[in-house]
Amino acid sequence: MSVQVYILIQTEVGKASSVATAISSIPGVTSSEGVTGPYDVIMRAESPSMEDLGRTILAKVQAVPGITRTLTCPVTHF
């Protein structure tokens, strides 16, 4: 079973669009959209394991210019 997460992203003022575009090109990211509210971008990603998610996706997301804060929310299946 794969690991799925939503990541809520706060960006520098005026950077939401460029951040969402940059993130959408990262392999494993299934969606990336600008939103209103306390966060500027919400993305969804999928990976074979939590370790792989951190190594291959989260590290690349955190390197995108303009991001000031992230909150990772793993998807649970009850």
PDB file of N, CA and C in Angstrom:
ATOM      1  N   MET A   1       0.837  -1.180   0.000  1.00  0.00           N
ATOM      2  CA  MET A   1       0.000   0.000   0.000  1.00  0.00           C
ATOM      3  C   MET A   1       0.885   1.249   0.000  1.00  0.00           C
ATOM      4  N   SER A   2       0.544   2.193  -0.810  1.00  0.00           N
ATOM      5  CA  SER A   2       1.355   3.407  -0.898  1.00  0.00           C
ATOM      6  C   SER A   2       0.975   4.405   0.199  1.00  0.00           C
ATOM      7  N   VAL A   3       1.866   5.352   0.424  1.00  0.00           N
ATOM      8  CA  VAL A   3       1.653   6.433   1.375  1.00  0.00           C
ATOM      9  C   VAL A   3       1.163   7.647   0.590  1.00  0.00           C
ATOM     10  N   GLN A   4       0.097   8.260   1.093  1.00  0.00           N
ATOM     11  CA  GLN A   4      -0.438   9.462   0.461  1.00  0.00           C
ATOM     12  C   GLN A   4      -0.453  10.577   1.495  1.00  0.00           C
ATOM     13  N   VAL A   5      -0.104  11.779   1.064  1.00  0.00           N
ATOM     14  CA  VAL A   5      -0.097  12.927   1.973  1.00  0.00           C
ATOM     15  C   VAL A   5      -0.659  14.157   1.277  1.00  0.00           C
ATOM     16  N   TYR A   6      -1.236  15.021   2.090  1.00  0.00           N
ATOM     17  CA  TYR A   6      -1.528  16.385   1.666  1.00  0.00           C
ATOM     18  C   TYR A   6      -0.486  17.248   2.343  1.00  0.00           C
ATOM     19  N   ILE A   7       0.019  18.231   1.644  1.00  0.00           N
ATOM     20  CA  ILE A   7       0.955  19.174   2.246  1.00  0.00           C
ATOM     21  C   ILE A   7       0.372  20.572   2.072  1.00  0.00           C
ATOM     22  N   LEU A   8       0.186  21.258   3.196  1.00  0.00           N
ATOM     23  CA  LEU A   8      -0.332  22.622   3.204  1.00  0.00           C
ATOM     24  C   LEU A   8       0.884  23.544   3.221  1.00  0.00           C
ATOM     25  N   ILE A   9       0.888  24.518   2.328  1.00  0.00           N
ATOM     26  CA  ILE A   9       2.089  25.333   2.117  1.00  0.00           C
ATOM     27  C   ILE A   9       1.780  26.817   2.259  1.00  0.00           C
ATOM     28  N   GLN A  10       2.585  27.495   3.052  1.00  0.00           N
ATOM     29  CA  GLN A  10       2.549  28.953   3.113  1.00  0.00           C
ATOM     30  C   GLN A  10       3.714  29.467   2.274  1.00  0.00           C
ATOM     31  N   THR A  11       3.462  30.550   1.523  1.00  0.00           N
ATOM     32  CA  THR A  11       4.502  31.094   0.642  1.00  0.00           C
ATOM     33  C   THR A  11       4.753  32.566   0.962  1.00  0.00           C
ATOM     34  N   GLU A  12       5.830  33.072   0.406  1.00  0.00           N
ATOM     35  CA  GLU A  12       6.070  34.508   0.460  1.00  0.00           C
ATOM     36  C   GLU A  12       4.968  35.203  -0.334  1.00  0.00           C
ATOM     37  N   VAL A  13       4.698  36.457  -0.020  1.00  0.00           N
ATOM     38  CA  VAL A  13       3.654  37.216  -0.704  1.00  0.00           C
ATOM     39  C   VAL A  13       3.910  37.223  -2.211  1.00  0.00           C
ATOM     40  N   GLY A  14       2.886  36.892  -2.974  1.00  0.00           N
ATOM     41  CA  GLY A  14       2.972  36.912  -4.428  1.00  0.00           C
ATOM     42  C   GLY A  14       3.626  35.690  -5.059  1.00  0.00           C
ATOM     43  N   LYS A  15       3.984  34.682  -4.261  1.00  0.00           N
ATOM     44  CA  LYS A  15       4.709  33.521  -4.791  1.00  0.00           C
ATOM     45  C   LYS A  15       3.849  32.261  -4.938  1.00  0.00           C
ATOM     46  N   ALA A  16       2.584  32.300  -4.562  1.00  0.00           N
ATOM     47  CA  ALA A  16       1.754  31.092  -4.571  1.00  0.00           C
ATOM     48  C   ALA A  16       1.697  30.443  -5.953  1.00  0.00           C
ATOM     49  N   SER A  17       1.505  31.225  -6.986  1.00  0.00           N
ATOM     50  CA  SER A  17       1.384  30.666  -8.336  1.00  0.00           C
ATOM     51  C   SER A  17       2.678  29.993  -8.783  1.00  0.00           C
ATOM     52  N   SER A  18       3.809  30.641  -8.573  1.00  0.00           N
ATOM     53  CA  SER A  18       5.075  30.053  -9.008  1.00  0.00           C
ATOM     54  C   SER A  18       5.427  28.819  -8.171  1.00  0.00           C
ATOM     55  N   VAL A  19       5.082  28.831  -6.890  1.00  0.00           N
ATOM     56  CA  VAL A  19       5.326  27.669  -6.040  1.00  0.00           C
ATOM     57  C   VAL A  19       4.463  26.493  -6.501  1.00  0.00           C
ATOM     58  N   ALA A  20       3.171  26.726  -6.747  1.00  0.00           N
ATOM     59  CA  ALA A  20       2.271  25.660  -7.195  1.00  0.00           C
ATOM     60  C   ALA A  20       2.746  25.066  -8.515  1.00  0.00           C
ATOM     61  N   THR A  21       3.207  25.907  -9.424  1.00  0.00           N
ATOM     62  CA  THR A  21       3.707  25.431 -10.715  1.00  0.00           C
ATOM     63  C   THR A  21       4.968  24.600 -10.535  1.00  0.00           C
ATOM     64  N   ALA A  22       5.900  25.075  -9.733  1.00  0.00           N
ATOM     65  CA  ALA A  22       7.158  24.350  -9.506  1.00  0.00           C
ATOM     66  C   ALA A  22       6.899  23.001  -8.856  1.00  0.00           C
ATOM     67  N   ILE A  23       6.014  22.967  -7.881  1.00  0.00           N
ATOM     68  CA  ILE A  23       5.722  21.726  -7.166  1.00  0.00           C
ATOM     69  C   ILE A  23       5.059  20.703  -8.077  1.00  0.00           C
ATOM     70  N   SER A  24       4.208  21.161  -8.970  1.00  0.00           N
ATOM     71  CA  SER A  24       3.469  20.226  -9.831  1.00  0.00           C
ATOM     72  C   SER A  24       4.387  19.416 -10.739  1.00  0.00           C
ATOM     73  N   SER A  25       5.611  19.872 -10.953  1.00  0.00           N
ATOM     74  CA  SER A  25       6.541  19.147 -11.827  1.00  0.00           C
ATOM     75  C   SER A  25       7.389  18.116 -11.072  1.00  0.00           C
ATOM     76  N   ILE A  26       7.249  18.036  -9.750  1.00  0.00           N
ATOM     77  CA  ILE A  26       8.019  17.077  -8.955  1.00  0.00           C
ATOM     78  C   ILE A  26       7.392  15.682  -9.102  1.00  0.00           C
ATOM     79  N   PRO A  27       8.176  14.687  -9.484  1.00  0.00           N
ATOM     80  CA  PRO A  27       7.628  13.328  -9.590  1.00  0.00           C
ATOM     81  C   PRO A  27       7.036  12.857  -8.261  1.00  0.00           C
ATOM     82  N   GLY A  28       5.856  12.277  -8.308  1.00  0.00           N
ATOM     83  CA  GLY A  28       5.162  11.812  -7.110  1.00  0.00           C
ATOM     84  C   GLY A  28       4.083  12.765  -6.644  1.00  0.00           C
ATOM     85  N   VAL A  29       4.138  14.018  -7.098  1.00  0.00           N
ATOM     86  CA  VAL A  29       3.096  14.989  -6.761  1.00  0.00           C
ATOM     87  C   VAL A  29       1.920  14.755  -7.704  1.00  0.00           C
ATOM     88  N   THR A  30       0.743  14.495  -7.125  1.00  0.00           N
ATOM     89  CA  THR A  30      -0.426  14.192  -7.947  1.00  0.00           C
ATOM     90  C   THR A  30      -1.305  15.412  -8.191  1.00  0.00           C
ATOM     91  N   SER A  31      -1.206  16.433  -7.340  1.00  0.00           N
ATOM     92  CA  SER A  31      -1.916  17.689  -7.574  1.00  0.00           C
ATOM     93  C   SER A  31      -1.270  18.796  -6.760  1.00  0.00           C
ATOM     94  N   SER A  32      -1.402  20.017  -7.257  1.00  0.00           N
ATOM     95  CA  SER A  32      -0.861  21.195  -6.590  1.00  0.00           C
ATOM     96  C   SER A  32      -1.717  22.382  -6.997  1.00  0.00           C
ATOM     97  N   GLU A  33      -2.404  22.988  -6.008  1.00  0.00           N
ATOM     98  CA  GLU A  33      -3.332  24.064  -6.332  1.00  0.00           C
ATOM     99  C   GLU A  33      -3.218  25.217  -5.353  1.00  0.00           C
ATOM    100  N   GLY A  34      -3.374  26.427  -5.873  1.00  0.00           N
ATOM    101  CA  GLY A  34      -3.438  27.603  -5.029  1.00  0.00           C
ATOM    102  C   GLY A  34      -4.789  27.672  -4.344  1.00  0.00           C
ATOM    103  N   VAL A  35      -4.803  28.100  -3.090  1.00  0.00           N
ATOM    104  CA  VAL A  35      -6.036  28.210  -2.310  1.00  0.00           C
ATOM    105  C   VAL A  35      -6.029  29.516  -1.524  1.00  0.00           C
ATOM    106  N   THR A  36      -7.173  29.862  -0.948  1.00  0.00           N
ATOM    107  CA  THR A  36      -7.238  31.019  -0.059  1.00  0.00           C
ATOM    108  C   THR A  36      -7.344  30.516   1.371  1.00  0.00           C
ATOM    109  N   GLY A  37      -7.039  31.378   2.313  1.00  0.00           N
ATOM    110  CA  GLY A  37      -7.084  30.999   3.724  1.00  0.00           C
ATOM    111  C   GLY A  37      -5.708  31.074   4.334  1.00  0.00           C
ATOM    112  N   PRO A  38      -5.470  30.330   5.426  1.00  0.00           N
ATOM    113  CA  PRO A  38      -4.181  30.428   6.108  1.00  0.00           C
ATOM    114  C   PRO A  38      -3.024  29.834   5.313  1.00  0.00           C
ATOM    115  N   TYR A  39      -3.326  28.993   4.332  1.00  0.00           N
ATOM    116  CA  TYR A  39      -2.285  28.424   3.467  1.00  0.00           C
ATOM    117  C   TYR A  39      -2.499  28.927   2.055  1.00  0.00           C
ATOM    118  N   ASP A  40      -1.431  28.926   1.271  1.00  0.00           N
ATOM    119  CA  ASP A  40      -1.483  29.476  -0.088  1.00  0.00           C
ATOM    120  C   ASP A  40      -1.558  28.401  -1.160  1.00  0.00           C
ATOM    121  N   VAL A  41      -1.000  27.225  -0.877  1.00  0.00           N
ATOM    122  CA  VAL A  41      -0.976  26.119  -1.833  1.00  0.00           C
ATOM    123  C   VAL A  41      -1.267  24.829  -1.074  1.00  0.00           C
ATOM    124  N   ILE A  42      -2.055  23.958  -1.679  1.00  0.00           N
ATOM    125  CA  ILE A  42      -2.250  22.609  -1.140  1.00  0.00           C
ATOM    126  C   ILE A  42      -1.819  21.630  -2.216  1.00  0.00           C
ATOM    127  N   MET A  43      -1.007  20.679  -1.827  1.00  0.00           N
ATOM    128  CA  MET A  43      -0.567  19.654  -2.781  1.00  0.00           C
ATOM    129  C   MET A  43      -0.877  18.273  -2.222  1.00  0.00           C
ATOM    130  N   ARG A  44      -0.949  17.315  -3.115  1.00  0.00           N
ATOM    131  CA  ARG A  44      -1.123  15.913  -2.731  1.00  0.00           C
ATOM    132  C   ARG A  44      -0.006  15.133  -3.397  1.00  0.00           C
ATOM    133  N   ALA A  45       0.556  14.171  -2.660  1.00  0.00           N
ATOM    134  CA  ALA A  45       1.637  13.349  -3.194  1.00  0.00           C
ATOM    135  C   ALA A  45       1.416  11.898  -2.797  1.00  0.00           C
ATOM    136  N   GLU A  46       2.039  11.014  -3.553  1.00  0.00           N
ATOM    137  CA  GLU A  46       1.940   9.581  -3.299  1.00  0.00           C
ATOM    138  C   GLU A  46       3.312   8.956  -3.498  1.00  0.00           C
ATOM    139  N   SER A  47       3.640   8.001  -2.618  1.00  0.00           N
ATOM    140  CA  SER A  47       4.945   7.356  -2.659  1.00  0.00           C
ATOM    141  C   SER A  47       4.820   5.934  -2.123  1.00  0.00           C
ATOM    142  N   PRO A  48       5.740   5.039  -2.498  1.00  0.00           N
ATOM    143  CA  PRO A  48       5.663   3.662  -2.009  1.00  0.00           C
ATOM    144  C   PRO A  48       5.832   3.529  -0.488  1.00  0.00           C
ATOM    145  N   SER A  49       6.598   4.433   0.143  1.00  0.00           N
ATOM    146  CA  SER A  49       6.820   4.351   1.585  1.00  0.00           C
ATOM    147  C   SER A  49       7.057   5.748   2.151  1.00  0.00           C
ATOM    148  N   MET A  50       6.949   5.881   3.470  1.00  0.00           N
ATOM    149  CA  MET A  50       7.194   7.170   4.113  1.00  0.00           C
ATOM    150  C   MET A  50       8.649   7.591   3.934  1.00  0.00           C
ATOM    151  N   GLU A  51       9.559   6.635   4.003  1.00  0.00           N
ATOM    152  CA  GLU A  51      10.982   6.939   3.795  1.00  0.00           C
ATOM    153  C   GLU A  51      11.224   7.483   2.386  1.00  0.00           C
ATOM    154  N   ASP A  52      10.637   6.834   1.403  1.00  0.00           N
ATOM    155  CA  ASP A  52      10.772   7.272   0.012  1.00  0.00           C
ATOM    156  C   ASP A  52      10.127   8.642  -0.178  1.00  0.00           C
ATOM    157  N   LEU A  53       9.008   8.865   0.468  1.00  0.00           N
ATOM    158  CA  LEU A  53       8.322  10.162   0.381  1.00  0.00           C
ATOM    159  C   LEU A  53       9.241  11.280   0.855  1.00  0.00           C
ATOM    160  N   GLY A  54       9.868  11.086   1.993  1.00  0.00           N
ATOM    161  CA  GLY A  54      10.766  12.101   2.537  1.00  0.00           C
ATOM    162  C   GLY A  54      11.975  12.344   1.672  1.00  0.00           C
ATOM    163  N   ARG A  55      12.544  11.260   1.165  1.00  0.00           N
ATOM    164  CA  ARG A  55      13.774  11.354   0.389  1.00  0.00           C
ATOM    165  C   ARG A  55      13.541  11.930  -1.001  1.00  0.00           C
ATOM    166  N   THR A  56      12.471  11.498  -1.656  1.00  0.00           N
ATOM    167  CA  THR A  56      12.306  11.864  -3.062  1.00  0.00           C
ATOM    168  C   THR A  56      11.342  13.008  -3.317  1.00  0.00           C
ATOM    169  N   ILE A  57      10.380  13.227  -2.422  1.00  0.00           N
ATOM    170  CA  ILE A  57       9.385  14.271  -2.679  1.00  0.00           C
ATOM    171  C   ILE A  57       9.540  15.451  -1.724  1.00  0.00           C
ATOM    172  N   LEU A  58       9.493  15.188  -0.419  1.00  0.00           N
ATOM    173  CA  LEU A  58       9.523  16.283   0.546  1.00  0.00           C
ATOM    174  C   LEU A  58      10.803  17.108   0.462  1.00  0.00           C
ATOM    175  N   ALA A  59      11.925  16.460   0.243  1.00  0.00           N
ATOM    176  CA  ALA A  59      13.194  17.202   0.123  1.00  0.00           C
ATOM    177  C   ALA A  59      13.146  18.165  -1.058  1.00  0.00           C
ATOM    178  N   LYS A  60      12.520  17.734  -2.154  1.00  0.00           N
ATOM    179  CA  LYS A  60      12.415  18.600  -3.336  1.00  0.00           C
ATOM    180  C   LYS A  60      11.411  19.722  -3.122  1.00  0.00           C
ATOM    181  N   VAL A  61      10.323  19.427  -2.426  1.00  0.00           N
ATOM    182  CA  VAL A  61       9.327  20.467  -2.131  1.00  0.00           C
ATOM    183  C   VAL A  61       9.964  21.554  -1.266  1.00  0.00           C
ATOM    184  N   GLN A  62      10.689  21.157  -0.240  1.00  0.00           N
ATOM    185  CA  GLN A  62      11.287  22.131   0.674  1.00  0.00           C
ATOM    186  C   GLN A  62      12.366  22.986   0.005  1.00  0.00           C
ATOM    187  N   ALA A  63      12.869  22.540  -1.131  1.00  0.00           N
ATOM    188  CA  ALA A  63      13.888  23.304  -1.848  1.00  0.00           C
ATOM    189  C   ALA A  63      13.287  24.321  -2.826  1.00  0.00           C
ATOM    190  N   VAL A  64      11.972  24.321  -3.004  1.00  0.00           N
ATOM    191  CA  VAL A  64      11.329  25.254  -3.930  1.00  0.00           C
ATOM    192  C   VAL A  64      11.407  26.669  -3.346  1.00  0.00           C
ATOM    193  N   PRO A  65      11.915  27.630  -4.126  1.00  0.00           N
ATOM    194  CA  PRO A  65      12.005  29.016  -3.638  1.00  0.00           C
ATOM    195  C   PRO A  65      10.622  29.608  -3.378  1.00  0.00           C
ATOM    196  N   GLY A  66      10.493  30.382  -2.314  1.00  0.00           N
ATOM    197  CA  GLY A  66       9.252  31.076  -2.009  1.00  0.00           C
ATOM    198  C   GLY A  66       8.417  30.414  -0.934  1.00  0.00           C
ATOM    199  N   ILE A  67       8.767  29.193  -0.518  1.00  0.00           N
ATOM    200  CA  ILE A  67       8.022  28.513   0.536  1.00  0.00           C
ATOM    201  C   ILE A  67       8.539  28.976   1.895  1.00  0.00           C
ATOM    202  N   THR A  68       7.617  29.357   2.775  1.00  0.00           N
ATOM    203  CA  THR A  68       8.020  29.788   4.107  1.00  0.00           C
ATOM    204  C   THR A  68       7.694  28.757   5.179  1.00  0.00           C
ATOM    205  N   ARG A  69       6.667  27.901   4.934  1.00  0.00           N
ATOM    206  CA  ARG A  69       6.265  26.916   5.944  1.00  0.00           C
ATOM    207  C   ARG A  69       5.433  25.827   5.297  1.00  0.00           C
ATOM    208  N   THR A  70       5.574  24.599   5.810  1.00  0.00           N
ATOM    209  CA  THR A  70       4.756  23.492   5.317  1.00  0.00           C
ATOM    210  C   THR A  70       4.167  22.721   6.491  1.00  0.00           C
ATOM    211  N   LEU A  71       3.050  22.062   6.227  1.00  0.00           N
ATOM    212  CA  LEU A  71       2.420  21.171   7.197  1.00  0.00           C
ATOM    213  C   LEU A  71       2.031  19.908   6.439  1.00  0.00           C
ATOM    214  N   THR A  72       2.622  18.774   6.815  1.00  0.00           N
ATOM    215  CA  THR A  72       2.370  17.503   6.123  1.00  0.00           C
ATOM    216  C   THR A  72       1.282  16.732   6.854  1.00  0.00           C
ATOM    217  N   CYS A  73       0.261  16.312   6.099  1.00  0.00           N
ATOM    218  CA  CYS A  73      -0.887  15.599   6.666  1.00  0.00           C
ATOM    219  C   CYS A  73      -1.022  14.245   5.959  1.00  0.00           C
ATOM    220  N   PRO A  74      -0.545  13.155   6.575  1.00  0.00           N
ATOM    221  CA  PRO A  74      -0.693  11.846   5.963  1.00  0.00           C
ATOM    222  C   PRO A  74      -2.164  11.441   5.881  1.00  0.00           C
ATOM    223  N   VAL A  75      -2.530  10.787   4.791  1.00  0.00           N
ATOM    224  CA  VAL A  75      -3.882  10.279   4.598  1.00  0.00           C
ATOM    225  C   VAL A  75      -4.007   8.975   5.374  1.00  0.00           C
ATOM    226  N   THR A  76      -5.087   8.840   6.144  1.00  0.00           N
ATOM    227  CA  THR A  76      -5.334   7.606   6.876  1.00  0.00           C
ATOM    228  C   THR A  76      -6.562   6.913   6.296  1.00  0.00           C
ATOM    229  N   HIS A  77      -6.572   5.611   6.392  1.00  0.00           N
ATOM    230  CA  HIS A  77      -7.711   4.833   5.923  1.00  0.00           C
ATOM    231  C   HIS A  77      -8.256   4.038   7.101  1.00  0.00           C
ATOM    232  N   PHE A  78      -9.401   4.469   7.601  1.00  0.00           N
ATOM    233  CA  PHE A  78     -10.009   3.816   8.759  1.00  0.00           C
ATOM    234  C   PHE A  78     -10.818   2.614   8.338  1.00  0.00           C
TER     235      PHE A  78
END
